[in-house]
Amino acid sequence: MTPDEFHQSEYVSYDAYLKYKKDYPTLEWFVDARQLRPMDPQEVDWVAKEILPMFGKAGLTREAFVIPQHVMAQLAIHQYETKTAGGQVAVRMFGSVEEAKQWLKEAHLKER
C-alpha cells in the first residue's frame, strides 16, 4: 500500500466512524492488527497527529489494538501508543480479540 492509499484508507475509516457514531453513540474503535506489516515511522506520526485527533473530536474515547504478529509492526504500534499517551483517545494493545473488545465495552458499562 502506498502512503497515499494508506492516507485514503484512514479517511475512509474516519468517514465510516462518523456515519455509525450517529446510530451507535457509544461506538469505540477496534483494530485487529495481527496481520499488520511494519509501518514507516512517518505514517505512525501522521496517524497520531492528524487522524486520531479527528476521531477524538468526533467522540472516540478508546482505540484497542490486537498485537501484531510481526515484531517490527509491534514496534510501530508501541510507538503509536506512546505518541498518543495522555491524549483525548486512550490507546491500548491486547494479546487477544476478546481482551480488546472487553476493554472497549467496559468504558460504557461503567457509565450506566
PDB file of N, CA and C in Angstrom:
ATOM      1  N   MET A   1       0.849  -1.172   0.000  1.00  0.00           N
ATOM      2  CA  MET A   1       0.000   0.000   0.000  1.00  0.00           C
ATOM      3  C   MET A   1       0.898   1.239   0.000  1.00  0.00           C
ATOM      4  N   THR A   2       0.615   2.154  -0.887  1.00  0.00           N
ATOM      5  CA  THR A   2       1.390   3.395  -0.948  1.00  0.00           C
ATOM      6  C   THR A   2       0.955   4.323   0.189  1.00  0.00           C
ATOM      7  N   PRO A   3       1.777   5.327   0.519  1.00  0.00           N
ATOM      8  CA  PRO A   3       1.360   6.293   1.544  1.00  0.00           C
ATOM      9  C   PRO A   3       0.021   6.959   1.212  1.00  0.00           C
ATOM     10  N   ASP A   4      -0.189   7.305  -0.047  1.00  0.00           N
ATOM     11  CA  ASP A   4      -1.464   7.927  -0.432  1.00  0.00           C
ATOM     12  C   ASP A   4      -2.644   6.979  -0.211  1.00  0.00           C
ATOM     13  N   GLU A   5      -2.454   5.711  -0.556  1.00  0.00           N
ATOM     14  CA  GLU A   5      -3.517   4.725  -0.344  1.00  0.00           C
ATOM     15  C   GLU A   5      -3.792   4.543   1.154  1.00  0.00           C
ATOM     16  N   PHE A   6      -2.720   4.533   1.940  1.00  0.00           N
ATOM     17  CA  PHE A   6      -2.877   4.407   3.384  1.00  0.00           C
ATOM     18  C   PHE A   6      -3.656   5.595   3.940  1.00  0.00           C
ATOM     19  N   HIS A   7      -3.275   6.804   3.532  1.00  0.00           N
ATOM     20  CA  HIS A   7      -3.976   8.007   4.000  1.00  0.00           C
ATOM     21  C   HIS A   7      -5.450   7.946   3.610  1.00  0.00           C
ATOM     22  N   GLN A   8      -5.707   7.560   2.380  1.00  0.00           N
ATOM     23  CA  GLN A   8      -7.092   7.462   1.913  1.00  0.00           C
ATOM     24  C   GLN A   8      -7.870   6.450   2.748  1.00  0.00           C
ATOM     25  N   SER A   9      -7.244   5.316   3.067  1.00  0.00           N
ATOM     26  CA  SER A   9      -7.941   4.300   3.862  1.00  0.00           C
ATOM     27  C   SER A   9      -8.269   4.825   5.259  1.00  0.00           C
ATOM     28  N   GLU A  10      -7.400   5.653   5.815  1.00  0.00           N
ATOM     29  CA  GLU A  10      -7.662   6.238   7.131  1.00  0.00           C
ATOM     30  C   GLU A  10      -8.831   7.223   7.068  1.00  0.00           C
ATOM     31  N   TYR A  11      -8.903   7.999   6.004  1.00  0.00           N
ATOM     32  CA  TYR A  11     -10.027   8.926   5.846  1.00  0.00           C
ATOM     33  C   TYR A  11     -11.343   8.173   5.633  1.00  0.00           C
ATOM     34  N   VAL A  12     -11.286   7.053   4.912  1.00  0.00           N
ATOM     35  CA  VAL A  12     -12.480   6.224   4.725  1.00  0.00           C
ATOM     36  C   VAL A  12     -12.937   5.672   6.078  1.00  0.00           C
ATOM     37  N   SER A  13     -11.986   5.237   6.902  1.00  0.00           N
ATOM     38  CA  SER A  13     -12.320   4.745   8.246  1.00  0.00           C
ATOM     39  C   SER A  13     -12.967   5.841   9.083  1.00  0.00           C
ATOM     40  N   TYR A  14     -12.426   7.030   8.990  1.00  0.00           N
ATOM     41  CA  TYR A  14     -12.982   8.164   9.735  1.00  0.00           C
ATOM     42  C   TYR A  14     -14.413   8.458   9.283  1.00  0.00           C
ATOM     43  N   ASP A  15     -14.637   8.462   7.982  1.00  0.00           N
ATOM     44  CA  ASP A  15     -15.990   8.692   7.460  1.00  0.00           C
ATOM     45  C   ASP A  15     -16.961   7.615   7.949  1.00  0.00           C
ATOM     46  N   ALA A  16     -16.501   6.364   7.992  1.00  0.00           N
ATOM     47  CA  ALA A  16     -17.345   5.274   8.489  1.00  0.00           C
ATOM     48  C   ALA A  16     -17.663   5.483   9.967  1.00  0.00           C
ATOM     49  N   TYR A  17     -16.671   5.927  10.734  1.00  0.00           N
ATOM     50  CA  TYR A  17     -16.906   6.194  12.155  1.00  0.00           C
ATOM     51  C   TYR A  17     -17.983   7.267  12.317  1.00  0.00           C
ATOM     52  N   LEU A  18     -17.862   8.351  11.571  1.00  0.00           N
ATOM     53  CA  LEU A  18     -18.855   9.426  11.653  1.00  0.00           C
ATOM     54  C   LEU A  18     -20.253   8.919  11.319  1.00  0.00           C
ATOM     55  N   LYS A  19     -20.342   8.095  10.294  1.00  0.00           N
ATOM     56  CA  LYS A  19     -21.632   7.559   9.858  1.00  0.00           C
ATOM     57  C   LYS A  19     -22.275   6.710  10.956  1.00  0.00           C
ATOM     58  N   TYR A  20     -21.514   5.800  11.543  1.00  0.00           N
ATOM     59  CA  TYR A  20     -22.074   4.864  12.519  1.00  0.00           C
ATOM     60  C   TYR A  20     -22.193   5.448  13.920  1.00  0.00           C
ATOM     61  N   LYS A  21     -21.422   6.464  14.225  1.00  0.00           N
ATOM     62  CA  LYS A  21     -21.478   7.085  15.553  1.00  0.00           C
ATOM     63  C   LYS A  21     -22.865   7.673  15.820  1.00  0.00           C
ATOM     64  N   LYS A  22     -23.521   8.136  14.773  1.00  0.00           N
ATOM     65  CA  LYS A  22     -24.867   8.708  14.929  1.00  0.00           C
ATOM     66  C   LYS A  22     -25.853   7.676  15.475  1.00  0.00           C
ATOM     67  N   ASP A  23     -25.775   6.460  14.964  1.00  0.00           N
ATOM     68  CA  ASP A  23     -26.693   5.398  15.391  1.00  0.00           C
ATOM     69  C   ASP A  23     -26.201   4.643  16.623  1.00  0.00           C
ATOM     70  N   TYR A  24     -24.897   4.681  16.852  1.00  0.00           N
ATOM     71  CA  TYR A  24     -24.289   3.960  17.975  1.00  0.00           C
ATOM     72  C   TYR A  24     -23.414   4.927  18.765  1.00  0.00           C
ATOM     73  N   PRO A  25     -24.011   5.732  19.632  1.00  0.00           N
ATOM     74  CA  PRO A  25     -23.267   6.793  20.320  1.00  0.00           C
ATOM     75  C   PRO A  25     -22.131   6.309  21.219  1.00  0.00           C
ATOM     76  N   THR A  26     -22.143   5.034  21.606  1.00  0.00           N
ATOM     77  CA  THR A  26     -21.046   4.522  22.439  1.00  0.00           C
ATOM     78  C   THR A  26     -19.981   3.811  21.605  1.00  0.00           C
ATOM     79  N   LEU A  27     -20.007   4.013  20.301  1.00  0.00           N
ATOM     80  CA  LEU A  27     -19.067   3.353  19.392  1.00  0.00           C
ATOM     81  C   LEU A  27     -17.622   3.715  19.712  1.00  0.00           C
ATOM     82  N   GLU A  28     -16.780   2.698  19.834  1.00  0.00           N
ATOM     83  CA  GLU A  28     -15.339   2.876  20.018  1.00  0.00           C
ATOM     84  C   GLU A  28     -14.641   2.219  18.836  1.00  0.00           C
ATOM     85  N   TRP A  29     -13.306   2.110  18.865  1.00  0.00           N
ATOM     86  CA  TRP A  29     -12.573   1.648  17.695  1.00  0.00           C
ATOM     87  C   TRP A  29     -11.736   0.431  18.028  1.00  0.00           C
ATOM     88  N   PHE A  30     -11.945  -0.649  17.274  1.00  0.00           N
ATOM     89  CA  PHE A  30     -11.235  -1.917  17.434  1.00  0.00           C
ATOM     90  C   PHE A  30     -10.374  -2.144  16.201  1.00  0.00           C
ATOM     91  N   VAL A  31      -9.085  -2.459  16.416  1.00  0.00           N
ATOM     92  CA  VAL A  31      -8.168  -2.716  15.306  1.00  0.00           C
ATOM     93  C   VAL A  31      -7.546  -4.093  15.504  1.00  0.00           C
ATOM     94  N   ASP A  32      -7.890  -5.022  14.625  1.00  0.00           N
ATOM     95  CA  ASP A  32      -7.250  -6.336  14.654  1.00  0.00           C
ATOM     96  C   ASP A  32      -5.978  -6.211  13.825  1.00  0.00           C
ATOM     97  N   ALA A  33      -4.866  -5.959  14.509  1.00  0.00           N
ATOM     98  CA  ALA A  33      -3.593  -5.675  13.834  1.00  0.00           C
ATOM     99  C   ALA A  33      -2.698  -6.905  13.726  1.00  0.00           C
ATOM    100  N   ARG A  34      -3.245  -8.096  13.930  1.00  0.00           N
ATOM    101  CA  ARG A  34      -2.408  -9.301  13.921  1.00  0.00           C
ATOM    102  C   ARG A  34      -1.669  -9.500  12.609  1.00  0.00           C
ATOM    103  N   GLN A  35      -2.243  -9.066  11.502  1.00  0.00           N
ATOM    104  CA  GLN A  35      -1.593  -9.243  10.201  1.00  0.00           C
ATOM    105  C   GLN A  35      -0.897  -7.970   9.709  1.00  0.00           C
ATOM    106  N   LEU A  36      -0.826  -6.975  10.558  1.00  0.00           N
ATOM    107  CA  LEU A  36      -0.196  -5.707  10.182  1.00  0.00           C
ATOM    108  C   LEU A  36       1.279  -5.912   9.870  1.00  0.00           C
ATOM    109  N   ARG A  37       1.729  -5.291   8.813  1.00  0.00           N
ATOM    110  CA  ARG A  37       3.140  -5.320   8.421  1.00  0.00           C
ATOM    111  C   ARG A  37       3.810  -4.092   9.019  1.00  0.00           C
ATOM    112  N   PRO A  38       5.138  -4.056   9.010  1.00  0.00           N
ATOM    113  CA  PRO A  38       5.842  -2.881   9.552  1.00  0.00           C
ATOM    114  C   PRO A  38       5.372  -1.596   8.877  1.00  0.00           C
ATOM    115  N   MET A  39       5.346  -0.521   9.669  1.00  0.00           N
ATOM    116  CA  MET A  39       4.911   0.781   9.160  1.00  0.00           C
ATOM    117  C   MET A  39       6.058   1.772   9.225  1.00  0.00           C
ATOM    118  N   ASP A  40       6.063   2.692   8.297  1.00  0.00           N
ATOM    119  CA  ASP A  40       7.021   3.786   8.299  1.00  0.00           C
ATOM    120  C   ASP A  40       6.731   4.668   9.510  1.00  0.00           C
ATOM    121  N   PRO A  41       7.744   5.031  10.288  1.00  0.00           N
ATOM    122  CA  PRO A  41       7.515   5.897  11.451  1.00  0.00           C
ATOM    123  C   PRO A  41       6.789   7.200  11.109  1.00  0.00           C
ATOM    124  N   GLN A  42       6.995   7.713   9.897  1.00  0.00           N
ATOM    125  CA  GLN A  42       6.292   8.935   9.489  1.00  0.00           C
ATOM    126  C   GLN A  42       4.786   8.704   9.395  1.00  0.00           C
ATOM    127  N   GLU A  43       4.391   7.507   8.982  1.00  0.00           N
ATOM    128  CA  GLU A  43       2.965   7.185   8.900  1.00  0.00           C
ATOM    129  C   GLU A  43       2.370   7.076  10.304  1.00  0.00           C
ATOM    130  N   VAL A  44       3.140   6.488  11.217  1.00  0.00           N
ATOM    131  CA  VAL A  44       2.685   6.391  12.609  1.00  0.00           C
ATOM    132  C   VAL A  44       2.482   7.793  13.172  1.00  0.00           C
ATOM    133  N   ASP A  45       3.448   8.680  12.934  1.00  0.00           N
ATOM    134  CA  ASP A  45       3.335  10.070  13.391  1.00  0.00           C
ATOM    135  C   ASP A  45       2.111  10.748  12.789  1.00  0.00           C
ATOM    136  N   TRP A  46       1.896  10.543  11.504  1.00  0.00           N
ATOM    137  CA  TRP A  46       0.770  11.171  10.816  1.00  0.00           C
ATOM    138  C   TRP A  46      -0.559  10.750  11.446  1.00  0.00           C
ATOM    139  N   VAL A  47      -0.710   9.452  11.701  1.00  0.00           N
ATOM    140  CA  VAL A  47      -1.956   8.980  12.314  1.00  0.00           C
ATOM    141  C   VAL A  47      -2.113   9.577  13.709  1.00  0.00           C
ATOM    142  N   ALA A  48      -1.029   9.581  14.491  1.00  0.00           N
ATOM    143  CA  ALA A  48      -1.090  10.099  15.864  1.00  0.00           C
ATOM    144  C   ALA A  48      -1.408  11.592  15.902  1.00  0.00           C
ATOM    145  N   LYS A  49      -0.873  12.346  14.958  1.00  0.00           N
ATOM    146  CA  LYS A  49      -1.034  13.804  14.980  1.00  0.00           C
ATOM    147  C   LYS A  49      -2.229  14.313  14.187  1.00  0.00           C
ATOM    148  N   GLU A  50      -2.613  13.595  13.153  1.00  0.00           N
ATOM    149  CA  GLU A  50      -3.677  14.076  12.261  1.00  0.00           C
ATOM    150  C   GLU A  50      -4.995  13.315  12.411  1.00  0.00           C
ATOM    151  N   ILE A  51      -4.916  12.005  12.330  1.00  0.00           N
ATOM    152  CA  ILE A  51      -6.144  11.206  12.277  1.00  0.00           C
ATOM    153  C   ILE A  51      -6.769  10.995  13.650  1.00  0.00           C
ATOM    154  N   LEU A  52      -5.983  10.553  14.619  1.00  0.00           N
ATOM    155  CA  LEU A  52      -6.557  10.271  15.935  1.00  0.00           C
ATOM    156  C   LEU A  52      -7.229  11.495  16.556  1.00  0.00           C
ATOM    157  N   PRO A  53      -6.648  12.688  16.455  1.00  0.00           N
ATOM    158  CA  PRO A  53      -7.362  13.859  16.985  1.00  0.00           C
ATOM    159  C   PRO A  53      -8.715  14.106  16.297  1.00  0.00           C
ATOM    160  N   MET A  54      -8.811  13.796  15.015  1.00  0.00           N
ATOM    161  CA  MET A  54     -10.093  13.929  14.320  1.00  0.00           C
ATOM    162  C   MET A  54     -11.125  12.973  14.928  1.00  0.00           C
ATOM    163  N   PHE A  55     -10.689  11.745  15.169  1.00  0.00           N
ATOM    164  CA  PHE A  55     -11.578  10.770  15.794  1.00  0.00           C
ATOM    165  C   PHE A  55     -11.990  11.249  17.186  1.00  0.00           C
ATOM    166  N   GLY A  56     -11.035  11.781  17.936  1.00  0.00           N
ATOM    167  CA  GLY A  56     -11.331  12.277  19.281  1.00  0.00           C
ATOM    168  C   GLY A  56     -12.373  13.383  19.268  1.00  0.00           C
ATOM    169  N   LYS A  57     -12.243  14.308  18.341  1.00  0.00           N
ATOM    170  CA  LYS A  57     -13.223  15.397  18.231  1.00  0.00           C
ATOM    171  C   LYS A  57     -14.605  14.874  17.846  1.00  0.00           C
ATOM    172  N   ALA A  58     -14.620  13.736  17.157  1.00  0.00           N
ATOM    173  CA  ALA A  58     -15.890  13.135  16.739  1.00  0.00           C
ATOM    174  C   ALA A  58     -16.517  12.278  17.840  1.00  0.00           C
ATOM    175  N   GLY A  59     -15.808  12.118  18.965  1.00  0.00           N
ATOM    176  CA  GLY A  59     -16.386  11.389  20.088  1.00  0.00           C
ATOM    177  C   GLY A  59     -15.706  10.099  20.487  1.00  0.00           C
ATOM    178  N   LEU A  60     -14.682   9.684  19.762  1.00  0.00           N
ATOM    179  CA  LEU A  60     -13.971   8.453  20.123  1.00  0.00           C
ATOM    180  C   LEU A  60     -13.223   8.655  21.435  1.00  0.00           C
ATOM    181  N   THR A  61     -13.334   7.681  22.334  1.00  0.00           N
ATOM    182  CA  THR A  61     -12.602   7.767  23.602  1.00  0.00           C
ATOM    183  C   THR A  61     -11.613   6.626  23.786  1.00  0.00           C
ATOM    184  N   ARG A  62     -11.808   5.500  23.069  1.00  0.00           N
ATOM    185  CA  ARG A  62     -10.918   4.345  23.209  1.00  0.00           C
ATOM    186  C   ARG A  62     -10.643   3.699  21.857  1.00  0.00           C
ATOM    187  N   GLU A  63      -9.383   3.294  21.679  1.00  0.00           N
ATOM    188  CA  GLU A  63      -8.970   2.544  20.491  1.00  0.00           C
ATOM    189  C   GLU A  63      -8.165   1.344  20.974  1.00  0.00           C
ATOM    190  N   ALA A  64      -8.640   0.147  20.651  1.00  0.00           N
ATOM    191  CA  ALA A  64      -7.996  -1.085  21.099  1.00  0.00           C
ATOM    192  C   ALA A  64      -7.350  -1.804  19.921  1.00  0.00           C
ATOM    193  N   PHE A  65      -6.102  -2.222  20.111  1.00  0.00           N
ATOM    194  CA  PHE A  65      -5.362  -2.976  19.104  1.00  0.00           C
ATOM    195  C   PHE A  65      -5.113  -4.392  19.601  1.00  0.00           C
ATOM    196  N   VAL A  66      -5.276  -5.381  18.719  1.00  0.00           N
ATOM    197  CA  VAL A  66      -4.779  -6.721  18.994  1.00  0.00           C
ATOM    198  C   VAL A  66      -3.359  -6.730  18.438  1.00  0.00           C
ATOM    199  N   ILE A  67      -2.410  -7.142  19.262  1.00  0.00           N
ATOM    200  CA  ILE A  67      -0.981  -7.046  18.949  1.00  0.00           C
ATOM    201  C   ILE A  67      -0.639  -7.773  17.653  1.00  0.00           C
ATOM    202  N   PRO A  68       0.123  -7.105  16.773  1.00  0.00           N
ATOM    203  CA  PRO A  68       0.559  -7.733  15.523  1.00  0.00           C
ATOM    204  C   PRO A  68       1.520  -8.894  15.780  1.00  0.00           C
ATOM    205  N   GLN A  69       1.560  -9.835  14.849  1.00  0.00           N
ATOM    206  CA  GLN A  69       2.486 -10.961  14.950  1.00  0.00           C
ATOM    207  C   GLN A  69       3.903 -10.541  14.573  1.00  0.00           C
ATOM    208  N   HIS A  70       4.040  -9.647  13.617  1.00  0.00           N
ATOM    209  CA  HIS A  70       5.349  -9.214  13.124  1.00  0.00           C
ATOM    210  C   HIS A  70       5.985  -8.262  14.142  1.00  0.00           C
ATOM    211  N   VAL A  71       7.214  -8.569  14.550  1.00  0.00           N
ATOM    212  CA  VAL A  71       7.899  -7.790  15.588  1.00  0.00           C
ATOM    213  C   VAL A  71       8.035  -6.318  15.207  1.00  0.00           C
ATOM    214  N   MET A  72       8.364  -6.026  13.966  1.00  0.00           N
ATOM    215  CA  MET A  72       8.531  -4.630  13.556  1.00  0.00           C
ATOM    216  C   MET A  72       7.189  -3.890  13.564  1.00  0.00           C
ATOM    217  N   ALA A  73       6.123  -4.589  13.263  1.00  0.00           N
ATOM    218  CA  ALA A  73       4.795  -3.973  13.344  1.00  0.00           C
ATOM    219  C   ALA A  73       4.429  -3.719  14.804  1.00  0.00           C
ATOM    220  N   GLN A  74       4.847  -4.614  15.698  1.00  0.00           N
ATOM    221  CA  GLN A  74       4.624  -4.394  17.131  1.00  0.00           C
ATOM    222  C   GLN A  74       5.304  -3.108  17.579  1.00  0.00           C
ATOM    223  N   LEU A  75       6.513  -2.880  17.082  1.00  0.00           N
ATOM    224  CA  LEU A  75       7.230  -1.651  17.430  1.00  0.00           C
ATOM    225  C   LEU A  75       6.467  -0.417  16.959  1.00  0.00           C
ATOM    226  N   ALA A  76       5.896  -0.486  15.771  1.00  0.00           N
ATOM    227  CA  ALA A  76       5.132   0.650  15.247  1.00  0.00           C
ATOM    228  C   ALA A  76       3.912   0.931  16.124  1.00  0.00           C
ATOM    229  N   ILE A  77       3.232  -0.117  16.555  1.00  0.00           N
ATOM    230  CA  ILE A  77       2.052   0.070  17.402  1.00  0.00           C
ATOM    231  C   ILE A  77       2.459   0.600  18.774  1.00  0.00           C
ATOM    232  N   HIS A  78       3.570   0.097  19.311  1.00  0.00           N
ATOM    233  CA  HIS A  78       4.072   0.631  20.590  1.00  0.00           C
ATOM    234  C   HIS A  78       4.416   2.113  20.451  1.00  0.00           C
ATOM    235  N   GLN A  79       5.032   2.476  19.324  1.00  0.00           N
ATOM    236  CA  GLN A  79       5.371   3.879  19.067  1.00  0.00           C
ATOM    237  C   GLN A  79       4.091   4.722  19.030  1.00  0.00           C
ATOM    238  N   TYR A  80       3.078   4.222  18.373  1.00  0.00           N
ATOM    239  CA  TYR A  80       1.789   4.916  18.284  1.00  0.00           C
ATOM    240  C   TYR A  80       1.170   5.072  19.668  1.00  0.00           C
ATOM    241  N   GLU A  81       1.203   4.005  20.447  1.00  0.00           N
ATOM    242  CA  GLU A  81       0.637   4.036  21.798  1.00  0.00           C
ATOM    243  C   GLU A  81       1.362   5.077  22.652  1.00  0.00           C
ATOM    244  N   THR A  82       2.682   5.142  22.521  1.00  0.00           N
ATOM    245  CA  THR A  82       3.482   6.112  23.272  1.00  0.00           C
ATOM    246  C   THR A  82       3.177   7.538  22.829  1.00  0.00           C
ATOM    247  N   LYS A  83       3.101   7.761  21.526  1.00  0.00           N
ATOM    248  CA  LYS A  83       2.858   9.108  20.989  1.00  0.00           C
ATOM    249  C   LYS A  83       1.472   9.638  21.351  1.00  0.00           C
ATOM    250  N   THR A  84       0.542   8.745  21.594  1.00  0.00           N
ATOM    251  CA  THR A  84      -0.823   9.182  21.883  1.00  0.00           C
ATOM    252  C   THR A  84      -1.146   9.164  23.379  1.00  0.00           C
ATOM    253  N   ALA A  85      -0.205   8.747  24.201  1.00  0.00           N
ATOM    254  CA  ALA A  85      -0.437   8.656  25.652  1.00  0.00           C
ATOM    255  C   ALA A  85      -0.840  10.018  26.209  1.00  0.00           C
ATOM    256  N   GLY A  86      -1.848  10.009  27.047  1.00  0.00           N
ATOM    257  CA  GLY A  86      -2.311  11.245  27.667  1.00  0.00           C
ATOM    258  C   GLY A  86      -3.214  12.083  26.785  1.00  0.00           C
ATOM    259  N   GLY A  87      -3.506  11.597  25.596  1.00  0.00           N
ATOM    260  CA  GLY A  87      -4.371  12.345  24.684  1.00  0.00           C
ATOM    261  C   GLY A  87      -5.839  12.104  24.967  1.00  0.00           C
ATOM    262  N   GLN A  88      -6.667  12.650  24.118  1.00  0.00           N
ATOM    263  CA  GLN A  88      -8.117  12.563  24.262  1.00  0.00           C
ATOM    264  C   GLN A  88      -8.630  11.130  24.085  1.00  0.00           C
ATOM    265  N   VAL A  89      -7.929  10.340  23.271  1.00  0.00           N
ATOM    266  CA  VAL A  89      -8.332   8.963  22.999  1.00  0.00           C
ATOM    267  C   VAL A  89      -7.341   8.018  23.675  1.00  0.00           C
ATOM    268  N   ALA A  90      -7.840   7.126  24.515  1.00  0.00           N
ATOM    269  CA  ALA A  90      -6.985   6.125  25.157  1.00  0.00           C
ATOM    270  C   ALA A  90      -6.693   5.023  24.149  1.00  0.00           C
ATOM    271  N   VAL A  91      -5.415   4.701  23.973  1.00  0.00           N
ATOM    272  CA  VAL A  91      -4.984   3.666  23.032  1.00  0.00           C
ATOM    273  C   VAL A  91      -4.306   2.563  23.832  1.00  0.00           C
ATOM    274  N   ARG A  92      -4.766   1.320  23.646  1.00  0.00           N
ATOM    275  CA  ARG A  92      -4.170   0.193  24.355  1.00  0.00           C
ATOM    276  C   ARG A  92      -4.016  -0.987  23.424  1.00  0.00           C
ATOM    277  N   MET A  93      -3.029  -1.834  23.748  1.00  0.00           N
ATOM    278  CA  MET A  93      -2.776  -3.053  22.985  1.00  0.00           C
ATOM    279  C   MET A  93      -3.142  -4.264  23.830  1.00  0.00           C
ATOM    280  N   PHE A  94      -3.623  -5.306  23.143  1.00  0.00           N
ATOM    281  CA  PHE A  94      -4.063  -6.517  23.825  1.00  0.00           C
ATOM    282  C   PHE A  94      -3.564  -7.748  23.090  1.00  0.00           C
ATOM    283  N   GLY A  95      -3.457  -8.851  23.823  1.00  0.00           N
ATOM    284  CA  GLY A  95      -2.985 -10.100  23.245  1.00  0.00           C
ATOM    285  C   GLY A  95      -4.060 -10.891  22.532  1.00  0.00           C
ATOM    286  N   SER A  96      -5.327 -10.526  22.750  1.00  0.00           N
ATOM    287  CA  SER A  96      -6.410 -11.271  22.106  1.00  0.00           C
ATOM    288  C   SER A  96      -7.562 -10.339  21.734  1.00  0.00           C
ATOM    289  N   VAL A  97      -8.360 -10.820  20.808  1.00  0.00           N
ATOM    290  CA  VAL A  97      -9.553 -10.091  20.380  1.00  0.00           C
ATOM    291  C   VAL A  97     -10.498  -9.910  21.565  1.00  0.00           C
ATOM    292  N   GLU A  98     -10.666 -10.959  22.346  1.00  0.00           N
ATOM    293  CA  GLU A  98     -11.595 -10.918  23.476  1.00  0.00           C
ATOM    294  C   GLU A  98     -11.200  -9.851  24.488  1.00  0.00           C
ATOM    295  N   GLU A  99      -9.902  -9.782  24.825  1.00  0.00           N
ATOM    296  CA  GLU A  99      -9.432  -8.775  25.782  1.00  0.00           C
ATOM    297  C   GLU A  99      -9.679  -7.362  25.261  1.00  0.00           C
ATOM    298  N   ALA A 100      -9.378  -7.159  23.992  1.00  0.00           N
ATOM    299  CA  ALA A 100      -9.545  -5.831  23.391  1.00  0.00           C
ATOM    300  C   ALA A 100     -11.009  -5.403  23.414  1.00  0.00           C
ATOM    301  N   LYS A 101     -11.885  -6.293  23.002  1.00  0.00           N
ATOM    302  CA  LYS A 101     -13.307  -5.955  22.960  1.00  0.00           C
ATOM    303  C   LYS A 101     -13.873  -5.741  24.359  1.00  0.00           C
ATOM    304  N   GLN A 102     -13.408  -6.512  25.330  1.00  0.00           N
ATOM    305  CA  GLN A 102     -13.881  -6.338  26.702  1.00  0.00           C
ATOM    306  C   GLN A 102     -13.504  -4.955  27.223  1.00  0.00           C
ATOM    307  N   TRP A 103     -12.285  -4.519  26.954  1.00  0.00           N
ATOM    308  CA  TRP A 103     -11.835  -3.193  27.396  1.00  0.00           C
ATOM    309  C   TRP A 103     -12.694  -2.094  26.773  1.00  0.00           C
ATOM    310  N   LEU A 104     -13.026  -2.250  25.500  1.00  0.00           N
ATOM    311  CA  LEU A 104     -13.877  -1.257  24.844  1.00  0.00           C
ATOM    312  C   LEU A 104     -15.266  -1.216  25.484  1.00  0.00           C
ATOM    313  N   LYS A 105     -15.813  -2.370  25.799  1.00  0.00           N
ATOM    314  CA  LYS A 105     -17.147  -2.431  26.412  1.00  0.00           C
ATOM    315  C   LYS A 105     -17.151  -1.845  27.817  1.00  0.00           C
ATOM    316  N   GLU A 106     -16.076  -2.059  28.568  1.00  0.00           N
ATOM    317  CA  GLU A 106     -16.006  -1.603  29.958  1.00  0.00           C
ATOM    318  C   GLU A 106     -16.196  -0.096  30.097  1.00  0.00           C
ATOM    319  N   ALA A 107     -15.740   0.652  29.141  1.00  0.00           N
ATOM    320  CA  ALA A 107     -15.844   2.113  29.217  1.00  0.00           C
ATOM    321  C   ALA A 107     -17.290   2.544  29.393  1.00  0.00           C
ATOM    322  N   HIS A 108     -18.176   1.897  28.704  1.00  0.00           N
ATOM    323  CA  HIS A 108     -19.573   2.315  28.730  1.00  0.00           C
ATOM    324  C   HIS A 108     -20.400   1.553  29.756  1.00  0.00           C
ATOM    325  N   LEU A 109     -19.925   0.417  30.205  1.00  0.00           N
ATOM    326  CA  LEU A 109     -20.614  -0.295  31.282  1.00  0.00           C
ATOM    327  C   LEU A 109     -20.514   0.501  32.574  1.00  0.00           C
ATOM    328  N   LYS A 110     -19.384   1.181  32.765  1.00  0.00           N
ATOM    329  CA  LYS A 110     -19.172   1.985  33.967  1.00  0.00           C
ATOM    330  C   LYS A 110     -20.074   3.218  33.990  1.00  0.00           C
ATOM    331  N   GLU A 111     -20.506   3.675  32.827  1.00  0.00           N
ATOM    332  CA  GLU A 111     -21.344   4.875  32.735  1.00  0.00           C
ATOM    333  C   GLU A 111     -22.790   4.602  33.131  1.00  0.00           C
ATOM    334  N   ARG A 112     -23.195   3.356  33.134  1.00  0.00           N
ATOM    335  CA  ARG A 112     -24.607   3.005  33.403  1.00  0.00           C
ATOM    336  C   ARG A 112     -24.953   3.128  34.838  1.00  0.00           C
TER     337      ARG A 112
END
